């Protein structure tokens, strides 16, 4: 519990004392890159200080072009390990409740994060349109196609929204397999345990050649690659 308390206090202090200055800088310059890079450094250090070791594999599989990073979701700590592992600035599809947090909400909007209301189908559809526009403008995105965290660490069926975005924007999809995070911080737990998390980037899948009627095929291809990058205890039960 001490690790969890330390990390929450550490991130809270950074949120209140450091982030506002970078928000002002971003507003003054019109460029949020310094704010984003600072946030990634803060998160990496926070995990390191709490005994969480992140190993990144397959960076060579990431295309130079704008893309969507599609990852499995097994723990609250996933984003803290996954997003800083991506070697470029990305937008993230984030549930709308997080945008209500002071300082954090404005910072996420500046950084091209996309607000998602999972309880409202029309609002969720509008979020897809916003995400597609950001992709077309050159901003890569990170998403969790399962839609929510797995309760037991095993991969759950993907939903089609991520692949609809890929086809509409013509963006390749990079499968990302997150392994070990459910041991560091299981779903529903507040306690962070020291341990290893592996972020494994698989070979990118081009959305070219797929249309909206075939988005299920693209989904199945990416889901198979995410599964292949997971340890046996995190793969779906056949």
C-alpha atoms as a PDB file:
ATOM      1  CA  UNK A   1       0.000   0.000   0.000  1.00  0.00           C
ATOM      2  CA  UNK A   2       2.956   2.309   0.623  1.00  0.00           C
ATOM      3  CA  UNK A   3       3.922   2.138  -3.072  1.00  0.00           C
ATOM      4  CA  UNK A   4       0.393   3.090  -4.130  1.00  0.00           C
ATOM      5  CA  UNK A   5       0.215   5.986  -1.689  1.00  0.00           C
ATOM      6  CA  UNK A   6       3.608   7.265  -2.803  1.00  0.00           C
ATOM      7  CA  UNK A   7       2.686   7.123  -6.493  1.00  0.00           C
ATOM      8  CA  UNK A   8      -0.661   8.875  -5.984  1.00  0.00           C
ATOM      9  CA  UNK A   9       0.948  11.639  -3.901  1.00  0.00           C
ATOM     10  CA  UNK A  10       3.834  11.979  -6.359  1.00  0.00           C
ATOM     11  CA  UNK A  11       1.505  12.294  -9.362  1.00  0.00           C
ATOM     12  CA  UNK A  12      -0.835  14.587  -7.442  1.00  0.00           C
ATOM     13  CA  UNK A  13       2.001  16.965  -6.551  1.00  0.00           C
ATOM     14  CA  UNK A  14       3.172  17.004 -10.170  1.00  0.00           C
ATOM     15  CA  UNK A  15      -0.407  17.662 -11.316  1.00  0.00           C
ATOM     16  CA  UNK A  16      -0.899  20.630  -8.994  1.00  0.00           C
ATOM     17  CA  UNK A  17       2.560  22.190  -8.828  1.00  0.00           C
ATOM     18  CA  UNK A  18       4.155  21.441 -12.184  1.00  0.00           C
ATOM     19  CA  UNK A  19       1.468  20.895 -14.817  1.00  0.00           C
ATOM     20  CA  UNK A  20      -0.154  24.374 -14.594  1.00  0.00           C
ATOM     21  CA  UNK A  21       3.105  26.048 -15.642  1.00  0.00           C
ATOM     22  CA  UNK A  22       3.362  23.802 -18.681  1.00  0.00           C
ATOM     23  CA  UNK A  23      -0.278  24.513 -19.524  1.00  0.00           C
ATOM     24  CA  UNK A  24       0.525  28.234 -19.530  1.00  0.00           C
ATOM     25  CA  UNK A  25       3.589  27.598 -21.685  1.00  0.00           C
ATOM     26  CA  UNK A  26       1.507  25.551 -24.114  1.00  0.00           C
ATOM     27  CA  UNK A  27      -1.092  28.316 -24.322  1.00  0.00           C
ATOM     28  CA  UNK A  28       1.591  30.936 -24.896  1.00  0.00           C
ATOM     29  CA  UNK A  29       3.439  28.989 -27.580  1.00  0.00           C
ATOM     30  CA  UNK A  30       0.592  26.974 -29.076  1.00  0.00           C
ATOM     31  CA  UNK A  31       2.776  23.880 -28.729  1.00  0.00           C
ATOM     32  CA  UNK A  32       1.970  21.233 -26.074  1.00  0.00           C
ATOM     33  CA  UNK A  33       4.990  19.043 -26.837  1.00  0.00           C
ATOM     34  CA  UNK A  34       7.020  20.236 -23.833  1.00  0.00           C
ATOM     35  CA  UNK A  35       4.036  19.575 -21.544  1.00  0.00           C
ATOM     36  CA  UNK A  36       3.513  16.103 -23.004  1.00  0.00           C
ATOM     37  CA  UNK A  37       7.188  15.164 -22.771  1.00  0.00           C
ATOM     38  CA  UNK A  38       7.364  16.390 -19.185  1.00  0.00           C
ATOM     39  CA  UNK A  39       4.324  14.299 -18.266  1.00  0.00           C
ATOM     40  CA  UNK A  40       5.909  11.187 -19.786  1.00  0.00           C
ATOM     41  CA  UNK A  41       9.130  11.753 -17.830  1.00  0.00           C
ATOM     42  CA  UNK A  42       7.190  12.231 -14.591  1.00  0.00           C
ATOM     43  CA  UNK A  43       5.258   9.005 -15.138  1.00  0.00           C
ATOM     44  CA  UNK A  44       8.355   6.958 -16.026  1.00  0.00           C
ATOM     45  CA  UNK A  45      10.134   8.172 -12.894  1.00  0.00           C
ATOM     46  CA  UNK A  46       7.083   7.512 -10.736  1.00  0.00           C
ATOM     47  CA  UNK A  47       6.880   3.886 -11.863  1.00  0.00           C
ATOM     48  CA  UNK A  48      10.607   3.403 -11.374  1.00  0.00           C
ATOM     49  CA  UNK A  49      10.464   4.781  -7.828  1.00  0.00           C
ATOM     50  CA  UNK A  50       7.610   2.413  -6.948  1.00  0.00           C
ATOM     51  CA  UNK A  51       9.542  -0.637  -8.114  1.00  0.00           C
ATOM     52  CA  UNK A  52       7.691  -1.143 -11.397  1.00  0.00           C
ATOM     53  CA  UNK A  53      10.042  -2.111 -14.215  1.00  0.00           C
ATOM     54  CA  UNK A  54       8.843  -1.573 -17.787  1.00  0.00           C
ATOM     55  CA  UNK A  55      10.476  -3.455 -20.651  1.00  0.00           C
ATOM     56  CA  UNK A  56       9.681  -2.403 -24.212  1.00  0.00           C
ATOM     57  CA  UNK A  57       9.991  -4.747 -27.185  1.00  0.00           C
ATOM     58  CA  UNK A  58       9.322  -4.432 -30.910  1.00  0.00           C
ATOM     59  CA  UNK A  59       9.763  -0.658 -31.311  1.00  0.00           C
ATOM     60  CA  UNK A  60      11.138  -1.402 -34.773  1.00  0.00           C
ATOM     61  CA  UNK A  61       7.614  -2.512 -35.780  1.00  0.00           C
ATOM     62  CA  UNK A  62       6.209   0.997 -35.385  1.00  0.00           C
ATOM     63  CA  UNK A  63       5.731   2.669 -38.796  1.00  0.00           C
ATOM     64  CA  UNK A  64       6.894   6.217 -39.391  1.00  0.00           C
ATOM     65  CA  UNK A  65       3.414   7.178 -40.576  1.00  0.00           C
ATOM     66  CA  UNK A  66       0.453   8.153 -38.405  1.00  0.00           C
ATOM     67  CA  UNK A  67      -1.025   5.034 -36.821  1.00  0.00           C
ATOM     68  CA  UNK A  68      -3.305   3.630 -34.127  1.00  0.00           C
ATOM     69  CA  UNK A  69      -1.765   1.714 -31.221  1.00  0.00           C
ATOM     70  CA  UNK A  70      -4.288  -0.950 -30.183  1.00  0.00           C
ATOM     71  CA  UNK A  71      -3.531  -2.556 -26.809  1.00  0.00           C
ATOM     72  CA  UNK A  72      -5.118  -5.001 -24.405  1.00  0.00           C
ATOM     73  CA  UNK A  73      -6.306  -3.499 -21.113  1.00  0.00           C
ATOM     74  CA  UNK A  74      -5.717  -5.366 -17.857  1.00  0.00           C
ATOM     75  CA  UNK A  75      -4.960  -2.827 -15.133  1.00  0.00           C
ATOM     76  CA  UNK A  76      -5.347   0.775 -13.979  1.00  0.00           C
ATOM     77  CA  UNK A  77      -1.580   1.034 -14.287  1.00  0.00           C
ATOM     78  CA  UNK A  78      -1.621   0.123 -18.008  1.00  0.00           C
ATOM     79  CA  UNK A  79      -1.605   3.705 -19.333  1.00  0.00           C
ATOM     80  CA  UNK A  80       1.299   4.670 -17.073  1.00  0.00           C
ATOM     81  CA  UNK A  81       3.413   1.916 -18.605  1.00  0.00           C
ATOM     82  CA  UNK A  82       2.011   1.866 -22.140  1.00  0.00           C
ATOM     83  CA  UNK A  83       1.802   5.515 -23.236  1.00  0.00           C
ATOM     84  CA  UNK A  84       5.355   6.563 -22.199  1.00  0.00           C
ATOM     85  CA  UNK A  85       6.639   3.489 -24.059  1.00  0.00           C
ATOM     86  CA  UNK A  86       5.398   4.901 -27.373  1.00  0.00           C
ATOM     87  CA  UNK A  87       8.311   6.827 -28.951  1.00  0.00           C
ATOM     88  CA  UNK A  88       6.159   9.686 -30.214  1.00  0.00           C
ATOM     89  CA  UNK A  89       3.432  11.963 -28.967  1.00  0.00           C
ATOM     90  CA  UNK A  90       0.008  10.350 -29.250  1.00  0.00           C
ATOM     91  CA  UNK A  91      -3.576  11.262 -28.536  1.00  0.00           C
ATOM     92  CA  UNK A  92      -5.546   8.884 -26.333  1.00  0.00           C
ATOM     93  CA  UNK A  93      -9.207   7.946 -26.230  1.00  0.00           C
ATOM     94  CA  UNK A  94     -10.110   8.691 -22.595  1.00  0.00           C
ATOM     95  CA  UNK A  95     -13.373   8.313 -20.684  1.00  0.00           C
ATOM     96  CA  UNK A  96     -15.067  11.685 -20.207  1.00  0.00           C
ATOM     97  CA  UNK A  97     -14.933  11.587 -16.396  1.00  0.00           C
ATOM     98  CA  UNK A  98     -11.170  12.185 -16.429  1.00  0.00           C
ATOM     99  CA  UNK A  99     -11.634  15.475 -18.294  1.00  0.00           C
ATOM    100  CA  UNK A 100     -13.350  16.875 -15.193  1.00  0.00           C
ATOM    101  CA  UNK A 101     -10.136  16.723 -13.142  1.00  0.00           C
ATOM    102  CA  UNK A 102      -8.697  20.244 -12.602  1.00  0.00           C
ATOM    103  CA  UNK A 103      -5.551  20.981 -14.641  1.00  0.00           C
ATOM    104  CA  UNK A 104      -5.558  17.456 -16.113  1.00  0.00           C
ATOM    105  CA  UNK A 105      -8.647  18.036 -18.260  1.00  0.00           C
ATOM    106  CA  UNK A 106      -7.338  21.154 -20.030  1.00  0.00           C
ATOM    107  CA  UNK A 107      -3.927  19.522 -20.469  1.00  0.00           C
ATOM    108  CA  UNK A 108      -5.471  16.457 -22.125  1.00  0.00           C
ATOM    109  CA  UNK A 109      -7.475  18.608 -24.519  1.00  0.00           C
ATOM    110  CA  UNK A 110      -4.327  20.514 -25.531  1.00  0.00           C
ATOM    111  CA  UNK A 111      -2.540  17.210 -26.116  1.00  0.00           C
ATOM    112  CA  UNK A 112      -5.228  15.990 -28.575  1.00  0.00           C
ATOM    113  CA  UNK A 113      -6.787  13.452 -26.206  1.00  0.00           C
ATOM    114  CA  UNK A 114     -10.305  12.438 -27.260  1.00  0.00           C
ATOM    115  CA  UNK A 115     -13.192  12.421 -24.794  1.00  0.00           C
ATOM    116  CA  UNK A 116     -15.311   9.255 -24.904  1.00  0.00           C
ATOM    117  CA  UNK A 117     -18.734   8.789 -23.319  1.00  0.00           C
ATOM    118  CA  UNK A 118     -19.271   5.049 -23.261  1.00  0.00           C
ATOM    119  CA  UNK A 119     -22.793   5.405 -21.837  1.00  0.00           C
ATOM    120  CA  UNK A 120     -24.074   7.487 -24.784  1.00  0.00           C
ATOM    121  CA  UNK A 121     -24.019   5.854 -28.222  1.00  0.00           C
ATOM    122  CA  UNK A 122     -24.390   9.135 -30.126  1.00  0.00           C
ATOM    123  CA  UNK A 123     -21.627  10.807 -28.116  1.00  0.00           C
ATOM    124  CA  UNK A 124     -19.408   7.763 -28.619  1.00  0.00           C
ATOM    125  CA  UNK A 125     -20.010   7.935 -32.387  1.00  0.00           C
ATOM    126  CA  UNK A 126     -19.095  11.629 -32.334  1.00  0.00           C
ATOM    127  CA  UNK A 127     -15.855  10.748 -30.537  1.00  0.00           C
ATOM    128  CA  UNK A 128     -14.966   8.406 -33.401  1.00  0.00           C
ATOM    129  CA  UNK A 129     -15.428  11.270 -35.865  1.00  0.00           C
ATOM    130  CA  UNK A 130     -13.164  13.515 -33.759  1.00  0.00           C
ATOM    131  CA  UNK A 131     -10.526  10.781 -33.566  1.00  0.00           C
ATOM    132  CA  UNK A 132     -10.619  10.233 -37.329  1.00  0.00           C
ATOM    133  CA  UNK A 133     -10.047  13.950 -37.917  1.00  0.00           C
ATOM    134  CA  UNK A 134      -7.031  13.930 -35.601  1.00  0.00           C
ATOM    135  CA  UNK A 135      -5.609  10.910 -37.432  1.00  0.00           C
ATOM    136  CA  UNK A 136      -6.081  12.622 -40.785  1.00  0.00           C
ATOM    137  CA  UNK A 137      -4.199  15.640 -39.427  1.00  0.00           C
ATOM    138  CA  UNK A 138      -1.240  13.446 -38.476  1.00  0.00           C
ATOM    139  CA  UNK A 139      -1.814  12.684 -34.788  1.00  0.00           C
ATOM    140  CA  UNK A 140      -1.314   9.028 -33.905  1.00  0.00           C
ATOM    141  CA  UNK A 141      -3.732   7.615 -31.341  1.00  0.00           C
ATOM    142  CA  UNK A 142      -3.673   4.958 -28.626  1.00  0.00           C
ATOM    143  CA  UNK A 143      -6.770   2.906 -27.863  1.00  0.00           C
ATOM    144  CA  UNK A 144      -8.027  -0.116 -25.949  1.00  0.00           C
ATOM    145  CA  UNK A 145     -10.281  -2.050 -28.376  1.00  0.00           C
ATOM    146  CA  UNK A 146     -11.702  -4.198 -25.550  1.00  0.00           C
ATOM    147  CA  UNK A 147     -13.448  -1.055 -24.286  1.00  0.00           C
ATOM    148  CA  UNK A 148     -12.745  -1.760 -20.615  1.00  0.00           C
ATOM    149  CA  UNK A 149     -10.295  -3.595 -18.383  1.00  0.00           C
ATOM    150  CA  UNK A 150     -10.264  -7.373 -18.334  1.00  0.00           C
ATOM    151  CA  UNK A 151     -11.390  -8.680 -14.927  1.00  0.00           C
ATOM    152  CA  UNK A 152      -8.990 -11.625 -14.946  1.00  0.00           C
ATOM    153  CA  UNK A 153      -6.133 -10.493 -17.194  1.00  0.00           C
ATOM    154  CA  UNK A 154      -7.247 -12.551 -20.180  1.00  0.00           C
ATOM    155  CA  UNK A 155      -7.861 -10.821 -23.495  1.00  0.00           C
ATOM    156  CA  UNK A 156     -11.518 -10.016 -24.136  1.00  0.00           C
ATOM    157  CA  UNK A 157     -13.167  -9.691 -27.588  1.00  0.00           C
ATOM    158  CA  UNK A 158     -12.367  -6.452 -29.366  1.00  0.00           C
ATOM    159  CA  UNK A 159     -15.036  -3.928 -30.293  1.00  0.00           C
ATOM    160  CA  UNK A 160     -15.156  -2.489 -33.805  1.00  0.00           C
ATOM    161  CA  UNK A 161     -14.754   1.252 -33.107  1.00  0.00           C
ATOM    162  CA  UNK A 162     -10.947   1.301 -33.261  1.00  0.00           C
ATOM    163  CA  UNK A 163     -10.956  -0.436 -36.640  1.00  0.00           C
ATOM    164  CA  UNK A 164     -13.681   1.803 -37.994  1.00  0.00           C
ATOM    165  CA  UNK A 165     -11.350   4.720 -37.237  1.00  0.00           C
ATOM    166  CA  UNK A 166      -8.404   2.999 -38.920  1.00  0.00           C
ATOM    167  CA  UNK A 167     -10.341   2.349 -42.126  1.00  0.00           C
ATOM    168  CA  UNK A 168     -11.876   5.822 -42.311  1.00  0.00           C
ATOM    169  CA  UNK A 169      -8.518   7.509 -41.701  1.00  0.00           C
ATOM    170  CA  UNK A 170      -6.448   5.034 -43.733  1.00  0.00           C
ATOM    171  CA  UNK A 171      -4.174   4.527 -40.724  1.00  0.00           C
ATOM    172  CA  UNK A 172      -2.255   1.316 -39.975  1.00  0.00           C
ATOM    173  CA  UNK A 173      -2.908  -0.409 -36.654  1.00  0.00           C
ATOM    174  CA  UNK A 174      -0.039  -1.428 -34.380  1.00  0.00           C
ATOM    175  CA  UNK A 175      -0.999  -4.350 -32.103  1.00  0.00           C
ATOM    176  CA  UNK A 176       0.318  -3.852 -28.567  1.00  0.00           C
ATOM    177  CA  UNK A 177       0.501  -6.672 -26.032  1.00  0.00           C
ATOM    178  CA  UNK A 178       0.733  -5.579 -22.380  1.00  0.00           C
ATOM    179  CA  UNK A 179       1.941  -8.401 -20.142  1.00  0.00           C
ATOM    180  CA  UNK A 180       2.275  -8.512 -16.369  1.00  0.00           C
ATOM    181  CA  UNK A 181       0.364  -5.364 -15.426  1.00  0.00           C
ATOM    182  CA  UNK A 182      -2.433  -7.406 -13.845  1.00  0.00           C
ATOM    183  CA  UNK A 183       0.105  -8.766 -11.362  1.00  0.00           C
ATOM    184  CA  UNK A 184       1.462  -5.326 -10.534  1.00  0.00           C
ATOM    185  CA  UNK A 185      -2.022  -3.869  -9.971  1.00  0.00           C
ATOM    186  CA  UNK A 186      -5.037  -6.168 -10.479  1.00  0.00           C
ATOM    187  CA  UNK A 187      -8.380  -4.713 -11.542  1.00  0.00           C
ATOM    188  CA  UNK A 188     -10.195  -3.290  -8.521  1.00  0.00           C
ATOM    189  CA  UNK A 189      -7.056  -3.219  -6.363  1.00  0.00           C
ATOM    190  CA  UNK A 190      -5.450  -0.110  -4.904  1.00  0.00           C
ATOM    191  CA  UNK A 191      -2.215  -1.799  -3.955  1.00  0.00           C
ATOM    192  CA  UNK A 192       0.715  -1.569  -6.381  1.00  0.00           C
ATOM    193  CA  UNK A 193       3.234  -4.382  -6.222  1.00  0.00           C
ATOM    194  CA  UNK A 194       6.738  -4.069  -7.571  1.00  0.00           C
ATOM    195  CA  UNK A 195       7.271  -6.148 -10.672  1.00  0.00           C
ATOM    196  CA  UNK A 196       7.795  -6.283 -14.411  1.00  0.00           C
ATOM    197  CA  UNK A 197       5.516  -5.056 -17.182  1.00  0.00           C
ATOM    198  CA  UNK A 198       6.303  -5.857 -20.803  1.00  0.00           C
ATOM    199  CA  UNK A 199       5.036  -3.608 -23.597  1.00  0.00           C
ATOM    200  CA  UNK A 200       5.362  -5.534 -26.853  1.00  0.00           C
ATOM    201  CA  UNK A 201       4.713  -3.800 -30.201  1.00  0.00           C
ATOM    202  CA  UNK A 202       3.719  -6.227 -32.933  1.00  0.00           C
ATOM    203  CA  UNK A 203       3.934  -5.790 -36.713  1.00  0.00           C
ATOM    204  CA  UNK A 204       1.668  -3.032 -38.015  1.00  0.00           C
ATOM    205  CA  UNK A 205      -1.418  -4.033 -39.969  1.00  0.00           C
ATOM    206  CA  UNK A 206      -2.316  -1.793 -42.903  1.00  0.00           C
ATOM    207  CA  UNK A 207      -5.954  -0.722 -43.121  1.00  0.00           C
ATOM    208  CA  UNK A 208      -5.590  -0.350 -46.889  1.00  0.00           C
ATOM    209  CA  UNK A 209      -7.734  -2.877 -48.701  1.00  0.00           C
ATOM    210  CA  UNK A 210     -10.334  -3.015 -45.948  1.00  0.00           C
ATOM    211  CA  UNK A 211     -13.689  -1.259 -46.192  1.00  0.00           C
ATOM    212  CA  UNK A 212     -16.327  -0.732 -43.519  1.00  0.00           C
ATOM    213  CA  UNK A 213     -18.011  -4.013 -44.381  1.00  0.00           C
ATOM    214  CA  UNK A 214     -14.703  -5.838 -43.780  1.00  0.00           C
ATOM    215  CA  UNK A 215     -13.745  -4.106 -40.542  1.00  0.00           C
ATOM    216  CA  UNK A 216     -14.409  -7.361 -38.711  1.00  0.00           C
ATOM    217  CA  UNK A 217     -11.570  -8.970 -40.666  1.00  0.00           C
ATOM    218  CA  UNK A 218      -9.183  -6.188 -39.676  1.00  0.00           C
ATOM    219  CA  UNK A 219     -10.309  -6.592 -36.072  1.00  0.00           C
ATOM    220  CA  UNK A 220      -9.633 -10.331 -36.126  1.00  0.00           C
ATOM    221  CA  UNK A 221      -6.171  -9.848 -37.625  1.00  0.00           C
ATOM    222  CA  UNK A 222      -5.102  -7.310 -34.990  1.00  0.00           C
ATOM    223  CA  UNK A 223      -6.676  -9.292 -32.152  1.00  0.00           C
ATOM    224  CA  UNK A 224      -4.745 -12.393 -33.238  1.00  0.00           C
ATOM    225  CA  UNK A 225      -1.469 -10.453 -33.189  1.00  0.00           C
ATOM    226  CA  UNK A 226      -2.172  -8.973 -29.744  1.00  0.00           C
ATOM    227  CA  UNK A 227      -2.970 -12.489 -28.510  1.00  0.00           C
ATOM    228  CA  UNK A 228       0.270 -13.860 -29.982  1.00  0.00           C
ATOM    229  CA  UNK A 229       2.274 -11.325 -27.981  1.00  0.00           C
ATOM    230  CA  UNK A 230       0.698 -12.286 -24.656  1.00  0.00           C
ATOM    231  CA  UNK A 231       1.816 -15.004 -22.216  1.00  0.00           C
ATOM    232  CA  UNK A 232      -0.461 -18.093 -22.067  1.00  0.00           C
ATOM    233  CA  UNK A 233      -2.206 -16.995 -18.864  1.00  0.00           C
ATOM    234  CA  UNK A 234      -3.402 -13.791 -20.567  1.00  0.00           C
ATOM    235  CA  UNK A 235      -4.672 -15.338 -23.784  1.00  0.00           C
ATOM    236  CA  UNK A 236      -8.378 -16.030 -24.299  1.00  0.00           C
ATOM    237  CA  UNK A 237      -9.584 -19.443 -23.233  1.00  0.00           C
ATOM    238  CA  UNK A 238     -10.351 -21.423 -26.374  1.00  0.00           C
END
